[in-house]
Structure formats: C-alpha cells, structure tokens
Amino acid sequence: TFSFLPTPSFAELRARILGPSDIFIKSGSEITMVCVIQQGPHELGTVFWYKGNTLVEPVAQENDIHSGDRGRITIETDWTDALTSRLKIKRAVQGDTGNYTCVPTMARSASVYAHVISGEHPAAMQHNAAPNTIGHRMVQRSMCILLLLHLATLLYLLSDRCCSRRSVGPRNILQRPVASHRSARSIAPLDRCEARVFPTDPS
C-alpha cells in the first residue's frame, strides 16, 4: 500500500524587503537591501538576488585584494527566527541602478528599485525620500484651491447683491402710488426725480 504524506504549501510564504519600494542613493554611497522571510514549520532554503534577469554574485575590485576589503558587492544570509538576506553594494555607481529582486527557494519573491543619483543634493532624492512631505504638500495645495473657490463665490454673491439693490431703487420710485383727483399741494413733498416721473394734474 502507498500512503501520501501531506506536501507543505509555500503559497502563503512571501519575502519582504524592508523599506520603500523605491530607494534613492547618492553616487559613492553604500546600498543595503534586506530581504526577510518569516520562519515557518519547514526549511526555508536559501535566497538568491537578481538585478533584472541577471543573478547578482559577490564582486571584488582589483584594489579590494590589496586593501583587505571583502568586496564591493556582498550577500549575507542568516537563519535565525527568520530567514534574512542582506545585499550590500559599496561605492555605488549609476550602473548599479536597477530593479533588484529577492528570490527565496521556498517563498514568493519581492522587489525593490534602486536609483543611484550623482550630485550632492539631487532633486529626485529630495523629492522622493519623504513621501509624507509630498502628501502634506498636496493637501496644502488642495486647501489653497478650495479657499480660492470660496473667495470667488463670496465675491460673486456680493457683486450680485449690489446689482440687485441698484435695480430695486428705480422700481420703487416708479411704482409709488399716486393719489388721484388731488392737487399737488395735498401730495407729500416729492424729490425732483419723483416729481418728474409723476406730474400732477394742473386742474
């Protein structure tokens, strides 16, 4: 007889790269990407890093051998409470810009895009390094637009009210009742405009 042992499902396991999905690094600085997979009841295997479709491997420069440096690109993997893999790139250059993917053998992958920017204060780094600041600016702009619309509405209502007052004045003068069969002396004193509009009967 054959017995089928339950096969562990890895669909629920997913790698996670700490930090934002886009990182901005000044040229010459060090890039550190940390991939974490929470430990499960089974072996998690190991982790591979890819830049695009190319496998990332530790790289040493010519002067690294003489200086005792471990290498410009290093990968460190730890198996503790979670499976943690660190990809470090020293002295980053613009050629290091690209999409980096953490690919575990027993979990779903995760990606991050690294932007290496030259210059002391790159505008793109300042623009994207603080997403909360961007959201705050958008809220401020929206409030300014709403305030301008509110002021425009108030100005429109005030101008419309002034025009209505001017149009009501002459109508009241024209529609003022005139007593019939009375002399001009018995009528209440009128101003010159009213006298011209409503002349009395001389007889």
N, C-alpha and C. Protein backbone atom coordinates (compact mmCIF):
# COMPACT_ATOMS: atom_id res chain seq x y z
N THR A 1 0.84 -1.19 0.00
CA THR A 1 0.00 0.00 0.00
C THR A 1 0.88 1.24 0.00
N PHE A 2 0.33 2.34 -0.61
CA PHE A 2 1.05 3.60 -0.68
C PHE A 2 0.32 4.63 0.17
N SER A 3 1.05 5.35 0.90
CA SER A 3 0.48 6.44 1.71
C SER A 3 1.08 7.75 1.24
N PHE A 4 0.22 8.75 1.05
CA PHE A 4 0.66 10.05 0.57
C PHE A 4 0.81 10.99 1.75
N LEU A 5 2.03 11.45 1.95
CA LEU A 5 2.28 12.40 3.03
C LEU A 5 1.87 13.79 2.56
N PRO A 6 1.33 14.62 3.45
CA PRO A 6 0.94 15.98 3.06
C PRO A 6 2.15 16.80 2.64
N THR A 7 2.03 17.43 1.51
CA THR A 7 3.11 18.28 1.00
C THR A 7 2.92 19.69 1.52
N PRO A 8 3.92 20.30 2.13
CA PRO A 8 3.76 21.66 2.65
C PRO A 8 3.53 22.65 1.53
N SER A 9 2.63 23.56 1.77
CA SER A 9 2.32 24.59 0.78
C SER A 9 3.09 25.85 1.11
N PHE A 10 3.77 26.39 0.10
CA PHE A 10 4.58 27.58 0.32
C PHE A 10 3.91 28.82 -0.27
N ALA A 11 2.64 28.67 -0.67
CA ALA A 11 1.96 29.81 -1.31
C ALA A 11 1.79 30.96 -0.33
N GLU A 12 1.66 30.64 0.98
CA GLU A 12 1.43 31.71 1.95
C GLU A 12 2.71 32.40 2.36
N LEU A 13 3.87 31.80 2.05
CA LEU A 13 5.14 32.42 2.42
C LEU A 13 5.53 33.44 1.37
N ARG A 14 5.91 34.62 1.83
CA ARG A 14 6.27 35.69 0.91
C ARG A 14 7.46 36.46 1.48
N ALA A 15 8.41 36.73 0.62
CA ALA A 15 9.56 37.53 1.03
C ALA A 15 9.15 38.99 1.16
N ARG A 16 9.87 39.71 1.99
CA ARG A 16 9.58 41.13 2.20
C ARG A 16 10.90 41.89 2.30
N ILE A 17 11.05 42.91 1.47
CA ILE A 17 12.24 43.76 1.50
C ILE A 17 11.93 44.97 2.37
N LEU A 18 12.72 45.18 3.38
CA LEU A 18 12.49 46.27 4.32
C LEU A 18 12.67 47.62 3.62
N GLY A 19 11.82 48.57 4.00
CA GLY A 19 11.93 49.91 3.44
C GLY A 19 10.97 50.12 2.28
N PRO A 20 11.07 51.28 1.62
CA PRO A 20 10.17 51.60 0.50
C PRO A 20 10.51 50.78 -0.74
N SER A 21 9.58 50.77 -1.68
CA SER A 21 9.79 50.02 -2.93
C SER A 21 10.74 50.73 -3.88
N ASP A 22 11.00 52.01 -3.66
CA ASP A 22 11.98 52.78 -4.43
C ASP A 22 12.95 53.41 -3.45
N ILE A 23 14.24 53.18 -3.66
CA ILE A 23 15.25 53.79 -2.81
C ILE A 23 16.16 54.64 -3.67
N PHE A 24 16.64 55.75 -3.09
CA PHE A 24 17.48 56.71 -3.80
C PHE A 24 18.79 56.85 -3.04
N ILE A 25 19.89 56.61 -3.73
CA ILE A 25 21.21 56.61 -3.11
C ILE A 25 22.12 57.55 -3.88
N LYS A 26 22.89 58.32 -3.14
CA LYS A 26 23.86 59.20 -3.76
C LYS A 26 25.04 58.38 -4.26
N SER A 27 25.55 58.75 -5.42
CA SER A 27 26.68 58.04 -6.00
C SER A 27 27.87 58.03 -5.04
N GLY A 28 28.49 56.86 -4.87
CA GLY A 28 29.61 56.71 -3.95
C GLY A 28 29.20 56.19 -2.59
N SER A 29 27.90 56.18 -2.30
CA SER A 29 27.41 55.68 -1.01
C SER A 29 27.22 54.16 -1.08
N GLU A 30 26.79 53.60 0.03
CA GLU A 30 26.57 52.15 0.11
C GLU A 30 25.08 51.83 0.06
N ILE A 31 24.74 50.83 -0.75
CA ILE A 31 23.36 50.36 -0.85
C ILE A 31 23.22 49.11 0.02
N THR A 32 22.21 49.08 0.85
CA THR A 32 21.93 47.89 1.66
C THR A 32 20.46 47.53 1.49
N MET A 33 20.21 46.34 0.97
CA MET A 33 18.85 45.84 0.80
C MET A 33 18.68 44.59 1.66
N VAL A 34 17.64 44.58 2.49
CA VAL A 34 17.42 43.50 3.45
C VAL A 34 16.13 42.77 3.09
N CYS A 35 16.25 41.47 2.83
CA CYS A 35 15.10 40.63 2.48
C CYS A 35 14.83 39.69 3.65
N VAL A 36 13.56 39.63 4.08
CA VAL A 36 13.19 38.84 5.26
C VAL A 36 12.05 37.89 4.88
N ILE A 37 12.18 36.62 5.30
CA ILE A 37 11.11 35.64 5.18
C ILE A 37 10.88 35.05 6.56
N GLN A 38 9.68 35.19 7.07
CA GLN A 38 9.37 34.68 8.39
C GLN A 38 9.51 33.16 8.43
N GLN A 39 10.12 32.67 9.50
CA GLN A 39 10.37 31.24 9.64
C GLN A 39 9.06 30.48 9.76
N GLY A 40 8.96 29.35 9.08
CA GLY A 40 7.78 28.51 9.14
C GLY A 40 8.11 27.16 9.74
N PRO A 41 7.17 26.23 9.69
CA PRO A 41 7.41 24.89 10.27
C PRO A 41 8.30 24.01 9.40
N HIS A 42 8.83 24.56 8.32
CA HIS A 42 9.63 23.76 7.40
C HIS A 42 10.87 24.56 7.00
N GLU A 43 11.77 23.90 6.34
CA GLU A 43 13.01 24.53 5.90
C GLU A 43 12.72 25.58 4.82
N LEU A 44 13.33 26.77 4.97
CA LEU A 44 13.07 27.85 4.02
C LEU A 44 14.07 27.88 2.88
N GLY A 45 15.07 27.03 2.91
CA GLY A 45 16.03 27.01 1.81
C GLY A 45 16.98 28.18 1.89
N THR A 46 17.25 28.80 0.76
CA THR A 46 18.17 29.92 0.71
C THR A 46 17.56 31.03 -0.15
N VAL A 47 18.34 32.09 -0.38
CA VAL A 47 17.84 33.26 -1.09
C VAL A 47 18.83 33.62 -2.19
N PHE A 48 18.30 33.98 -3.35
CA PHE A 48 19.11 34.49 -4.46
C PHE A 48 18.66 35.91 -4.77
N TRP A 49 19.61 36.72 -5.20
CA TRP A 49 19.33 38.10 -5.59
C TRP A 49 19.53 38.24 -7.10
N TYR A 50 18.61 38.97 -7.72
CA TYR A 50 18.70 39.25 -9.15
C TYR A 50 18.61 40.75 -9.38
N LYS A 51 19.39 41.20 -10.36
CA LYS A 51 19.23 42.57 -10.87
C LYS A 51 18.65 42.43 -12.27
N GLY A 52 17.37 42.76 -12.39
CA GLY A 52 16.68 42.45 -13.63
C GLY A 52 16.57 40.94 -13.76
N ASN A 53 17.14 40.38 -14.84
CA ASN A 53 17.16 38.93 -15.03
C ASN A 53 18.53 38.33 -14.78
N THR A 54 19.45 39.12 -14.24
CA THR A 54 20.82 38.67 -14.03
C THR A 54 21.05 38.34 -12.57
N LEU A 55 21.61 37.18 -12.31
CA LEU A 55 21.92 36.77 -10.94
C LEU A 55 23.03 37.65 -10.37
N VAL A 56 22.81 38.17 -9.17
CA VAL A 56 23.81 39.01 -8.51
C VAL A 56 24.77 38.10 -7.75
N GLU A 57 26.05 38.27 -8.02
CA GLU A 57 27.08 37.49 -7.34
C GLU A 57 28.08 38.43 -6.69
N PRO A 58 28.71 38.00 -5.60
CA PRO A 58 29.72 38.85 -4.96
C PRO A 58 30.82 39.23 -5.95
N VAL A 59 31.18 40.51 -5.95
CA VAL A 59 32.16 41.03 -6.89
C VAL A 59 33.23 41.76 -6.11
N ALA A 60 34.49 41.49 -6.45
CA ALA A 60 35.62 42.20 -5.85
C ALA A 60 36.33 43.01 -6.91
N GLN A 61 36.81 44.18 -6.53
CA GLN A 61 37.58 45.00 -7.45
C GLN A 61 39.06 44.68 -7.31
N GLU A 62 39.85 45.17 -8.25
CA GLU A 62 41.28 44.87 -8.24
C GLU A 62 41.95 45.37 -6.97
N ASN A 63 41.61 46.57 -6.55
CA ASN A 63 42.26 47.12 -5.36
C ASN A 63 41.69 46.56 -4.07
N ASP A 64 40.56 45.80 -4.15
CA ASP A 64 39.99 45.23 -2.93
C ASP A 64 40.91 44.16 -2.34
N ILE A 65 41.64 43.45 -3.18
CA ILE A 65 42.52 42.39 -2.68
C ILE A 65 43.65 42.98 -1.84
N HIS A 66 44.18 44.11 -2.30
CA HIS A 66 45.30 44.72 -1.59
C HIS A 66 44.83 45.47 -0.35
N SER A 67 43.65 46.00 -0.38
CA SER A 67 43.16 46.78 0.76
C SER A 67 42.52 45.91 1.82
N GLY A 68 42.32 44.63 1.53
CA GLY A 68 41.68 43.75 2.50
C GLY A 68 40.18 43.89 2.55
N ASP A 69 39.61 44.61 1.60
CA ASP A 69 38.16 44.77 1.56
C ASP A 69 37.50 43.46 1.15
N ARG A 70 36.35 43.17 1.72
CA ARG A 70 35.66 41.91 1.43
C ARG A 70 35.08 41.89 0.04
N GLY A 71 34.95 43.03 -0.61
CA GLY A 71 34.37 43.08 -1.94
C GLY A 71 33.37 44.21 -2.05
N ARG A 72 33.17 44.67 -3.27
CA ARG A 72 32.23 45.77 -3.47
C ARG A 72 30.80 45.29 -3.32
N ILE A 73 30.48 44.07 -3.75
CA ILE A 73 29.13 43.52 -3.63
C ILE A 73 29.20 42.27 -2.76
N THR A 74 28.44 42.26 -1.68
CA THR A 74 28.42 41.12 -0.77
C THR A 74 26.99 40.71 -0.48
N ILE A 75 26.80 39.42 -0.20
CA ILE A 75 25.49 38.88 0.19
C ILE A 75 25.67 38.10 1.48
N GLU A 76 24.89 38.48 2.50
CA GLU A 76 24.96 37.82 3.80
C GLU A 76 23.58 37.23 4.11
N THR A 77 23.55 35.96 4.46
CA THR A 77 22.29 35.28 4.76
C THR A 77 22.35 34.68 6.16
N ASP A 78 21.32 34.96 6.95
CA ASP A 78 21.24 34.47 8.33
C ASP A 78 19.98 33.63 8.50
N TRP A 79 20.11 32.51 9.21
CA TRP A 79 18.97 31.67 9.56
C TRP A 79 18.78 31.74 11.07
N THR A 80 17.88 32.60 11.53
CA THR A 80 17.57 32.72 12.96
C THR A 80 16.07 32.51 13.12
N ASP A 81 15.40 33.45 13.77
CA ASP A 81 13.93 33.37 13.86
C ASP A 81 13.29 33.56 12.49
N ALA A 82 13.99 34.23 11.59
CA ALA A 82 13.53 34.42 10.22
C ALA A 82 14.73 34.28 9.30
N LEU A 83 14.44 34.01 8.04
CA LEU A 83 15.50 33.93 7.04
C LEU A 83 15.76 35.34 6.53
N THR A 84 16.96 35.84 6.76
CA THR A 84 17.31 37.22 6.41
C THR A 84 18.50 37.21 5.47
N SER A 85 18.36 37.93 4.36
CA SER A 85 19.44 38.05 3.39
C SER A 85 19.71 39.53 3.14
N ARG A 86 20.99 39.91 3.21
CA ARG A 86 21.39 41.31 3.02
C ARG A 86 22.28 41.42 1.78
N LEU A 87 21.85 42.26 0.87
CA LEU A 87 22.66 42.57 -0.31
C LEU A 87 23.27 43.95 -0.12
N LYS A 88 24.60 44.01 -0.11
CA LYS A 88 25.30 45.27 0.11
C LYS A 88 26.15 45.60 -1.11
N ILE A 89 26.03 46.84 -1.56
CA ILE A 89 26.82 47.32 -2.70
C ILE A 89 27.56 48.56 -2.23
N LYS A 90 28.87 48.48 -2.16
CA LYS A 90 29.69 49.61 -1.71
C LYS A 90 30.05 50.50 -2.90
N ARG A 91 30.28 51.76 -2.60
CA ARG A 91 30.69 52.75 -3.59
C ARG A 91 29.79 52.65 -4.84
N ALA A 92 28.52 52.85 -4.62
CA ALA A 92 27.54 52.69 -5.69
C ALA A 92 27.81 53.65 -6.84
N VAL A 93 27.61 53.15 -8.04
CA VAL A 93 27.74 53.95 -9.26
C VAL A 93 26.39 53.92 -9.99
N GLN A 94 26.25 54.77 -11.00
CA GLN A 94 24.98 54.84 -11.72
C GLN A 94 24.65 53.53 -12.42
N GLY A 95 25.68 52.73 -12.73
CA GLY A 95 25.43 51.43 -13.34
C GLY A 95 24.74 50.45 -12.40
N ASP A 96 24.75 50.75 -11.10
CA ASP A 96 24.06 49.89 -10.13
C ASP A 96 22.56 50.17 -10.07
N THR A 97 22.11 51.20 -10.77
CA THR A 97 20.67 51.50 -10.80
C THR A 97 19.92 50.35 -11.47
N GLY A 98 18.82 49.95 -10.88
CA GLY A 98 18.01 48.89 -11.48
C GLY A 98 17.06 48.26 -10.49
N ASN A 99 16.32 47.27 -10.98
CA ASN A 99 15.34 46.56 -10.17
C ASN A 99 16.00 45.32 -9.56
N TYR A 100 16.00 45.24 -8.23
CA TYR A 100 16.61 44.13 -7.51
C TYR A 100 15.50 43.26 -6.91
N THR A 101 15.63 41.96 -7.10
CA THR A 101 14.61 41.02 -6.64
C THR A 101 15.23 39.99 -5.71
N CYS A 102 14.59 39.80 -4.58
CA CYS A 102 14.96 38.77 -3.62
C CYS A 102 14.14 37.52 -3.93
N VAL A 103 14.81 36.43 -4.30
CA VAL A 103 14.12 35.22 -4.75
C VAL A 103 14.45 34.07 -3.80
N PRO A 104 13.59 33.78 -2.83
CA PRO A 104 13.80 32.62 -1.96
C PRO A 104 13.44 31.33 -2.71
N THR A 105 14.03 30.23 -2.29
CA THR A 105 13.70 28.95 -2.91
C THR A 105 12.37 28.39 -2.42
N MET A 106 11.88 28.88 -1.26
CA MET A 106 10.67 28.33 -0.68
C MET A 106 9.63 29.41 -0.36
N ALA A 107 9.66 30.53 -1.07
CA ALA A 107 8.68 31.60 -0.82
C ALA A 107 8.60 32.48 -2.05
N ARG A 108 7.60 33.32 -2.07
CA ARG A 108 7.43 34.24 -3.19
C ARG A 108 8.45 35.37 -3.09
N SER A 109 8.81 35.90 -4.25
CA SER A 109 9.87 36.90 -4.32
C SER A 109 9.35 38.29 -3.97
N ALA A 110 10.29 39.21 -3.79
CA ALA A 110 9.98 40.63 -3.52
C ALA A 110 11.01 41.47 -4.25
N SER A 111 10.61 42.67 -4.66
CA SER A 111 11.49 43.52 -5.47
C SER A 111 11.59 44.92 -4.89
N VAL A 112 12.68 45.59 -5.24
CA VAL A 112 12.90 46.99 -4.88
C VAL A 112 13.70 47.61 -6.02
N TYR A 113 13.43 48.88 -6.29
CA TYR A 113 14.15 49.59 -7.36
C TYR A 113 15.10 50.58 -6.72
N ALA A 114 16.37 50.45 -7.09
CA ALA A 114 17.42 51.32 -6.54
C ALA A 114 17.80 52.36 -7.59
N HIS A 115 17.79 53.63 -7.18
CA HIS A 115 18.20 54.74 -8.04
C HIS A 115 19.50 55.31 -7.50
N VAL A 116 20.56 55.25 -8.28
CA VAL A 116 21.84 55.86 -7.90
C VAL A 116 21.95 57.18 -8.63
N ILE A 117 22.03 58.27 -7.87
CA ILE A 117 21.98 59.62 -8.43
C ILE A 117 23.26 60.34 -8.09
N SER A 118 23.82 61.03 -9.08
CA SER A 118 25.04 61.80 -8.86
C SER A 118 24.69 63.20 -8.38
N GLY A 119 25.62 63.85 -7.70
CA GLY A 119 25.39 65.19 -7.18
C GLY A 119 25.25 65.18 -5.68
N GLU A 120 25.54 66.33 -5.07
CA GLU A 120 25.49 66.42 -3.61
C GLU A 120 24.07 66.40 -3.09
N HIS A 121 23.19 67.15 -3.77
CA HIS A 121 21.79 67.22 -3.32
C HIS A 121 20.89 66.99 -4.52
N PRO A 122 20.78 65.77 -5.01
CA PRO A 122 19.93 65.51 -6.17
C PRO A 122 18.48 65.82 -5.88
N ALA A 123 17.85 66.49 -6.83
CA ALA A 123 16.45 66.90 -6.62
C ALA A 123 15.53 65.69 -6.53
N ALA A 124 15.81 64.65 -7.31
CA ALA A 124 14.93 63.48 -7.26
C ALA A 124 14.97 62.80 -5.91
N MET A 125 16.16 62.78 -5.27
CA MET A 125 16.27 62.15 -3.95
C MET A 125 15.47 62.94 -2.93
N GLN A 126 15.55 64.27 -2.98
CA GLN A 126 14.80 65.09 -2.04
C GLN A 126 13.31 64.99 -2.30
N HIS A 127 12.94 64.78 -3.57
CA HIS A 127 11.51 64.72 -3.90
C HIS A 127 10.88 63.41 -3.47
N ASN A 128 11.64 62.33 -3.52
CA ASN A 128 11.07 61.02 -3.25
C ASN A 128 11.47 60.43 -1.91
N ALA A 129 12.41 61.03 -1.21
CA ALA A 129 12.87 60.44 0.03
C ALA A 129 11.83 60.56 1.14
N ALA A 130 10.92 61.52 1.03
CA ALA A 130 9.94 61.73 2.10
C ALA A 130 8.55 61.77 1.50
N PRO A 131 7.90 60.62 1.34
CA PRO A 131 6.56 60.61 0.77
C PRO A 131 5.54 61.33 1.62
N ASN A 132 5.76 61.39 2.95
CA ASN A 132 4.83 62.11 3.82
C ASN A 132 4.83 63.59 3.50
N THR A 133 6.03 64.13 3.17
CA THR A 133 6.12 65.54 2.81
C THR A 133 5.36 65.83 1.54
N ILE A 134 5.45 64.91 0.57
CA ILE A 134 4.73 65.10 -0.68
C ILE A 134 3.23 65.11 -0.43
N GLY A 135 2.75 64.18 0.39
CA GLY A 135 1.33 64.17 0.69
C GLY A 135 0.88 65.43 1.40
N HIS A 136 1.75 65.95 2.30
CA HIS A 136 1.41 67.19 3.00
C HIS A 136 1.32 68.35 2.03
N ARG A 137 2.22 68.41 1.05
CA ARG A 137 2.16 69.48 0.06
C ARG A 137 0.90 69.39 -0.78
N MET A 138 0.51 68.17 -1.15
CA MET A 138 -0.70 68.01 -1.94
C MET A 138 -1.93 68.46 -1.16
N VAL A 139 -1.96 68.18 0.13
CA VAL A 139 -3.08 68.63 0.96
C VAL A 139 -3.11 70.15 1.02
N GLN A 140 -1.93 70.78 1.17
CA GLN A 140 -1.87 72.23 1.22
C GLN A 140 -2.37 72.85 -0.08
N ARG A 141 -1.97 72.27 -1.21
CA ARG A 141 -2.42 72.81 -2.50
C ARG A 141 -3.93 72.66 -2.64
N SER A 142 -4.48 71.54 -2.22
CA SER A 142 -5.92 71.34 -2.31
C SER A 142 -6.67 72.35 -1.44
N MET A 143 -6.14 72.62 -0.25
CA MET A 143 -6.78 73.60 0.63
C MET A 143 -6.72 74.99 0.02
N CYS A 144 -5.61 75.33 -0.62
CA CYS A 144 -5.50 76.65 -1.26
C CYS A 144 -6.51 76.79 -2.39
N ILE A 145 -6.68 75.73 -3.18
CA ILE A 145 -7.64 75.78 -4.28
C ILE A 145 -9.06 75.94 -3.74
N LEU A 146 -9.40 75.21 -2.69
CA LEU A 146 -10.73 75.34 -2.10
C LEU A 146 -10.95 76.74 -1.54
N LEU A 147 -9.92 77.31 -0.93
CA LEU A 147 -10.04 78.66 -0.39
C LEU A 147 -10.27 79.68 -1.49
N LEU A 148 -9.55 79.54 -2.60
CA LEU A 148 -9.74 80.46 -3.72
C LEU A 148 -11.15 80.34 -4.30
N LEU A 149 -11.65 79.12 -4.41
CA LEU A 149 -13.02 78.94 -4.91
C LEU A 149 -14.03 79.56 -3.96
N HIS A 150 -13.79 79.43 -2.66
CA HIS A 150 -14.71 80.02 -1.68
C HIS A 150 -14.70 81.54 -1.79
N LEU A 151 -13.52 82.13 -1.93
CA LEU A 151 -13.44 83.59 -2.07
C LEU A 151 -14.11 84.06 -3.35
N ALA A 152 -13.93 83.31 -4.43
CA ALA A 152 -14.57 83.69 -5.69
C ALA A 152 -16.09 83.64 -5.57
N THR A 153 -16.60 82.65 -4.86
CA THR A 153 -18.05 82.56 -4.66
C THR A 153 -18.57 83.73 -3.83
N LEU A 154 -17.84 84.11 -2.78
CA LEU A 154 -18.25 85.26 -1.97
C LEU A 154 -18.26 86.54 -2.78
N LEU A 155 -17.23 86.74 -3.59
CA LEU A 155 -17.19 87.95 -4.42
C LEU A 155 -18.35 87.98 -5.41
N TYR A 156 -18.69 86.84 -5.97
CA TYR A 156 -19.81 86.78 -6.91
C TYR A 156 -21.12 87.13 -6.21
N LEU A 157 -21.34 86.59 -5.02
CA LEU A 157 -22.58 86.87 -4.29
C LEU A 157 -22.67 88.33 -3.89
N LEU A 158 -21.55 88.92 -3.46
CA LEU A 158 -21.56 90.34 -3.09
C LEU A 158 -21.85 91.23 -4.28
N SER A 159 -21.23 90.93 -5.42
CA SER A 159 -21.48 91.75 -6.60
C SER A 159 -22.92 91.61 -7.08
N ASP A 160 -23.48 90.41 -6.99
CA ASP A 160 -24.86 90.20 -7.40
C ASP A 160 -25.82 90.94 -6.48
N ARG A 161 -25.52 90.99 -5.18
CA ARG A 161 -26.38 91.72 -4.24
C ARG A 161 -26.35 93.22 -4.51
N CYS A 162 -25.17 93.75 -4.81
CA CYS A 162 -25.08 95.18 -5.11
C CYS A 162 -25.87 95.53 -6.36
N CYS A 163 -25.79 94.68 -7.38
CA CYS A 163 -26.54 94.95 -8.61
C CYS A 163 -28.04 94.90 -8.36
N SER A 164 -28.48 93.98 -7.52
CA SER A 164 -29.91 93.87 -7.24
C SER A 164 -30.41 95.09 -6.48
N ARG A 165 -29.60 95.66 -5.60
CA ARG A 165 -30.01 96.86 -4.87
C ARG A 165 -30.16 98.04 -5.81
N ARG A 166 -29.25 98.16 -6.75
CA ARG A 166 -29.34 99.27 -7.69
C ARG A 166 -30.57 99.16 -8.57
N SER A 167 -30.93 97.95 -8.94
CA SER A 167 -32.10 97.78 -9.81
C SER A 167 -33.41 97.95 -9.06
N VAL A 168 -33.44 97.71 -7.76
CA VAL A 168 -34.66 97.83 -6.98
C VAL A 168 -35.01 99.28 -6.73
N GLY A 169 -34.04 100.19 -6.59
CA GLY A 169 -34.31 101.58 -6.27
C GLY A 169 -35.23 102.27 -7.26
N PRO A 170 -34.94 102.32 -8.56
CA PRO A 170 -35.82 102.99 -9.53
C PRO A 170 -37.19 102.36 -9.61
N ARG A 171 -37.28 101.03 -9.42
CA ARG A 171 -38.60 100.41 -9.48
C ARG A 171 -39.50 100.92 -8.37
N ASN A 172 -38.97 101.10 -7.18
CA ASN A 172 -39.79 101.61 -6.08
C ASN A 172 -40.30 103.00 -6.39
N ILE A 173 -39.46 103.79 -7.07
CA ILE A 173 -39.88 105.15 -7.40
C ILE A 173 -41.00 105.13 -8.43
N LEU A 174 -40.84 104.25 -9.43
CA LEU A 174 -41.84 104.22 -10.48
C LEU A 174 -43.16 103.64 -9.99
N GLN A 175 -43.09 102.69 -9.05
CA GLN A 175 -44.29 102.03 -8.59
C GLN A 175 -44.92 102.70 -7.38
N ARG A 176 -44.43 103.86 -6.98
CA ARG A 176 -45.01 104.54 -5.82
C ARG A 176 -46.41 105.02 -6.16
N PRO A 177 -47.42 104.67 -5.34
CA PRO A 177 -48.80 105.04 -5.68
C PRO A 177 -49.00 106.55 -5.66
N VAL A 178 -49.85 107.01 -6.61
CA VAL A 178 -50.16 108.45 -6.73
C VAL A 178 -51.64 108.64 -6.43
N ALA A 179 -51.94 109.53 -5.54
CA ALA A 179 -53.34 109.81 -5.20
C ALA A 179 -54.01 110.54 -6.35
N SER A 180 -55.19 110.06 -6.77
CA SER A 180 -55.91 110.66 -7.89
C SER A 180 -56.83 111.78 -7.39
N HIS A 181 -57.11 112.74 -8.33
CA HIS A 181 -58.01 113.85 -8.08
C HIS A 181 -57.57 114.67 -6.89
N ARG A 182 -56.28 114.81 -6.69
CA ARG A 182 -55.78 115.69 -5.65
C ARG A 182 -54.81 116.69 -6.26
N SER A 183 -54.73 117.79 -5.60
CA SER A 183 -53.83 118.82 -6.10
C SER A 183 -52.42 118.50 -5.68
N ALA A 184 -51.50 119.18 -6.29
CA ALA A 184 -50.08 118.96 -5.98
C ALA A 184 -49.76 119.37 -4.56
N ARG A 185 -50.57 120.32 -3.99
CA ARG A 185 -50.28 120.77 -2.64
C ARG A 185 -50.61 119.69 -1.60
N SER A 186 -51.66 118.83 -1.88
CA SER A 186 -52.05 117.82 -0.90
C SER A 186 -51.15 116.59 -0.92
N ILE A 187 -50.33 116.47 -1.93
CA ILE A 187 -49.43 115.32 -2.03
C ILE A 187 -48.20 115.60 -1.18
N ALA A 188 -47.71 114.57 -0.55
CA ALA A 188 -46.49 114.72 0.26
C ALA A 188 -45.36 115.20 -0.61
N PRO A 189 -44.49 115.99 -0.04
CA PRO A 189 -43.37 116.54 -0.84
C PRO A 189 -42.57 115.42 -1.47
N LEU A 190 -42.30 115.57 -2.75
CA LEU A 190 -41.51 114.60 -3.50
C LEU A 190 -40.20 115.24 -3.91
N ASP A 191 -39.26 114.38 -4.13
CA ASP A 191 -37.99 114.93 -4.62
C ASP A 191 -38.12 115.22 -6.10
N ARG A 192 -37.11 115.79 -6.66
CA ARG A 192 -37.17 116.22 -8.05
C ARG A 192 -37.37 115.04 -9.00
N CYS A 193 -36.71 113.89 -8.68
CA CYS A 193 -36.86 112.72 -9.56
C CYS A 193 -38.29 112.23 -9.57
N GLU A 194 -38.95 112.18 -8.40
CA GLU A 194 -40.32 111.71 -8.32
C GLU A 194 -41.27 112.68 -8.99
N ALA A 195 -41.01 113.97 -8.87
CA ALA A 195 -41.88 114.97 -9.49
C ALA A 195 -41.84 114.86 -10.99
N ARG A 196 -40.70 114.58 -11.53
CA ARG A 196 -40.60 114.44 -12.98
C ARG A 196 -41.30 113.18 -13.47
N VAL A 197 -41.24 112.14 -12.67
CA VAL A 197 -41.83 110.89 -13.12
C VAL A 197 -43.35 110.92 -12.99
N PHE A 198 -43.89 111.60 -11.96
CA PHE A 198 -45.32 111.63 -11.70
C PHE A 198 -45.80 113.10 -11.68
N PRO A 199 -46.02 113.76 -12.81
CA PRO A 199 -46.55 115.14 -12.80
C PRO A 199 -48.01 115.15 -12.37
N THR A 200 -48.41 116.17 -11.65
CA THR A 200 -49.79 116.26 -11.16
C THR A 200 -50.65 117.01 -12.16
N ASP A 201 -51.96 116.84 -12.00
CA ASP A 201 -52.93 117.50 -12.89
C ASP A 201 -53.06 118.96 -12.48
N PRO A 202 -52.80 119.93 -13.39
CA PRO A 202 -52.86 121.35 -13.00
C PRO A 202 -54.26 121.79 -12.65
N SER A 203 -55.28 121.08 -13.12
CA SER A 203 -56.65 121.48 -12.79
C SER A 203 -57.02 120.91 -11.43
